[in-house]
Protein backbone atom coordinates (compact mmCIF):
# COMPACT_ATOMS: atom_id res chain seq x y z
CA UNK A 1 14.48 40.09 122.80
CA UNK A 2 11.30 38.13 122.15
CA UNK A 3 9.81 35.73 124.66
CA UNK A 4 10.64 32.89 122.28
CA UNK A 5 14.33 33.71 122.50
CA UNK A 6 14.15 33.47 126.28
CA UNK A 7 13.36 29.79 125.96
CA UNK A 8 16.60 29.30 124.07
CA UNK A 9 15.66 26.77 121.43
CA UNK A 10 13.29 28.93 119.46
CA UNK A 11 15.88 31.40 118.18
CA UNK A 12 18.00 30.93 115.09
CA UNK A 13 21.25 29.13 115.75
CA UNK A 14 24.55 30.79 114.81
CA UNK A 15 25.86 29.93 111.33
CA UNK A 16 27.28 26.43 111.14
CA UNK A 17 25.30 25.09 114.10
CA UNK A 18 22.27 22.84 113.92
CA UNK A 19 18.94 24.41 114.75
CA UNK A 20 16.51 22.87 117.17
CA UNK A 21 13.97 25.64 116.89
CA UNK A 22 10.33 25.46 116.11
CA UNK A 23 9.94 26.42 112.49
CA UNK A 24 6.95 27.76 110.63
CA UNK A 25 7.05 24.98 108.05
CA UNK A 26 5.89 22.60 110.80
CA UNK A 27 3.68 24.63 113.16
CA UNK A 28 2.20 21.60 114.93
CA UNK A 29 5.70 20.36 115.73
CA UNK A 30 6.63 23.82 116.96
CA UNK A 31 3.64 23.97 119.29
CA UNK A 32 4.51 20.50 120.57
CA UNK A 33 8.10 21.58 121.27
CA UNK A 34 6.88 24.62 123.19
CA UNK A 35 4.47 22.44 125.20
CA UNK A 36 7.27 19.97 126.05
CA UNK A 37 9.58 22.79 127.14
CA UNK A 38 6.82 24.23 129.34
CA UNK A 39 6.15 20.87 130.94
CA UNK A 40 9.85 20.26 131.57
CA UNK A 41 10.23 23.65 133.21
CA UNK A 42 7.15 23.08 135.38
CA UNK A 43 8.39 19.64 136.47
CA UNK A 44 11.87 20.94 137.28
CA UNK A 45 10.55 23.92 139.23
CA UNK A 46 8.08 21.69 141.06
CA UNK A 47 10.84 19.28 142.12
CA UNK A 48 12.96 22.14 143.48
CA UNK A 49 9.96 23.67 145.20
CA UNK A 50 8.91 20.36 146.77
CA UNK A 51 12.43 19.77 148.13
CA UNK A 52 12.45 23.24 149.70
CA UNK A 53 9.03 22.59 151.26
CA UNK A 54 10.20 19.30 152.81
CA UNK A 55 13.28 21.06 154.12
CA UNK A 56 11.02 23.67 155.75
CA UNK A 57 8.92 20.88 157.28
CA UNK A 58 12.12 19.52 158.79
CA UNK A 59 12.60 22.77 160.71
CA UNK A 60 9.22 22.33 162.41
CA UNK A 61 8.98 20.54 165.77
CA UNK A 62 8.29 16.81 165.52
CA UNK A 63 4.92 15.25 166.18
CA UNK A 64 1.72 17.08 167.00
CA UNK A 65 3.66 20.09 168.30
CA UNK A 66 4.85 20.82 164.76
CA UNK A 67 1.43 20.49 163.12
CA UNK A 68 0.71 24.21 163.09
CA UNK A 69 4.21 24.91 161.74
CA UNK A 70 3.82 22.36 158.94
CA UNK A 71 0.38 23.63 157.96
CA UNK A 72 1.69 27.22 157.82
CA UNK A 73 4.71 26.12 155.77
CA UNK A 74 2.51 24.13 153.41
CA UNK A 75 0.17 27.09 152.85
CA UNK A 76 3.12 29.42 152.26
CA UNK A 77 4.74 27.01 149.81
CA UNK A 78 1.45 26.36 147.99
CA UNK A 79 0.96 30.11 147.50
CA UNK A 80 4.55 30.46 146.27
CA UNK A 81 4.09 27.53 143.90
CA UNK A 82 0.87 28.97 142.50
CA UNK A 83 2.75 32.19 141.73
CA UNK A 84 5.72 30.39 140.18
CA UNK A 85 3.45 28.19 138.07
CA UNK A 86 1.58 31.28 136.85
CA UNK A 87 4.92 32.85 135.83
CA UNK A 88 5.92 29.76 133.86
CA UNK A 89 2.50 29.55 132.18
CA UNK A 90 2.64 33.25 131.24
CA UNK A 91 6.15 32.82 129.84
CA UNK A 92 5.10 29.97 127.57
CA UNK A 93 1.88 31.70 126.50
CA UNK A 94 4.12 34.55 125.31
CA UNK A 95 6.49 32.10 123.59
CA UNK A 96 3.58 30.44 121.79
CA UNK A 97 2.08 33.81 120.85
CA UNK A 98 5.44 34.99 119.44
CA UNK A 99 5.87 31.73 117.51
CA UNK A 100 2.38 31.92 116.02
CA UNK A 101 2.82 35.61 115.17
CA UNK A 102 6.13 34.86 113.44
CA UNK A 103 4.59 31.95 111.54
CA UNK A 104 1.54 33.95 110.52
CA UNK A 105 3.82 36.58 108.99
CA UNK A 106 5.73 33.86 107.10
CA UNK A 107 2.55 32.28 105.77
CA UNK A 108 1.23 35.66 104.64
CA UNK A 109 4.46 36.42 102.73
CA UNK A 110 4.41 33.02 101.01
CA UNK A 111 0.71 32.90 100.14
CA UNK A 112 0.07 33.17 96.37
CA UNK A 113 -1.54 36.47 95.55
CA UNK A 114 -0.28 38.16 98.71
CA UNK A 115 2.11 40.29 96.68
CA UNK A 116 -0.49 41.12 94.03
CA UNK A 117 -2.98 42.19 96.68
CA UNK A 118 -0.42 44.60 98.12
CA UNK A 119 0.29 46.22 94.73
């Protein structure tokens, strides 16, 4: 399965269903869709991550006594977030690469003279 299919909206829909995929006839729109999906995933993951961090802060002692605990939790959560963000970015780089590769193949097949050059 390609990285684009992992996103869900970039794969062909079953017969009879509407498609909301990025298509090669409108590559700029496809890139924009991929960018919006990436941003939405980052924002959702960040919200979940932030809530978990605040929950961890709540387990630290109150006041100055909990300062070291909160700093350690913040560092741990920042490192985790950096890793999660890198995973999301890598996923969408792969989605974009797959989309552009698929579109490049479509453009090459449709280009006048492409068939003559192959003969």
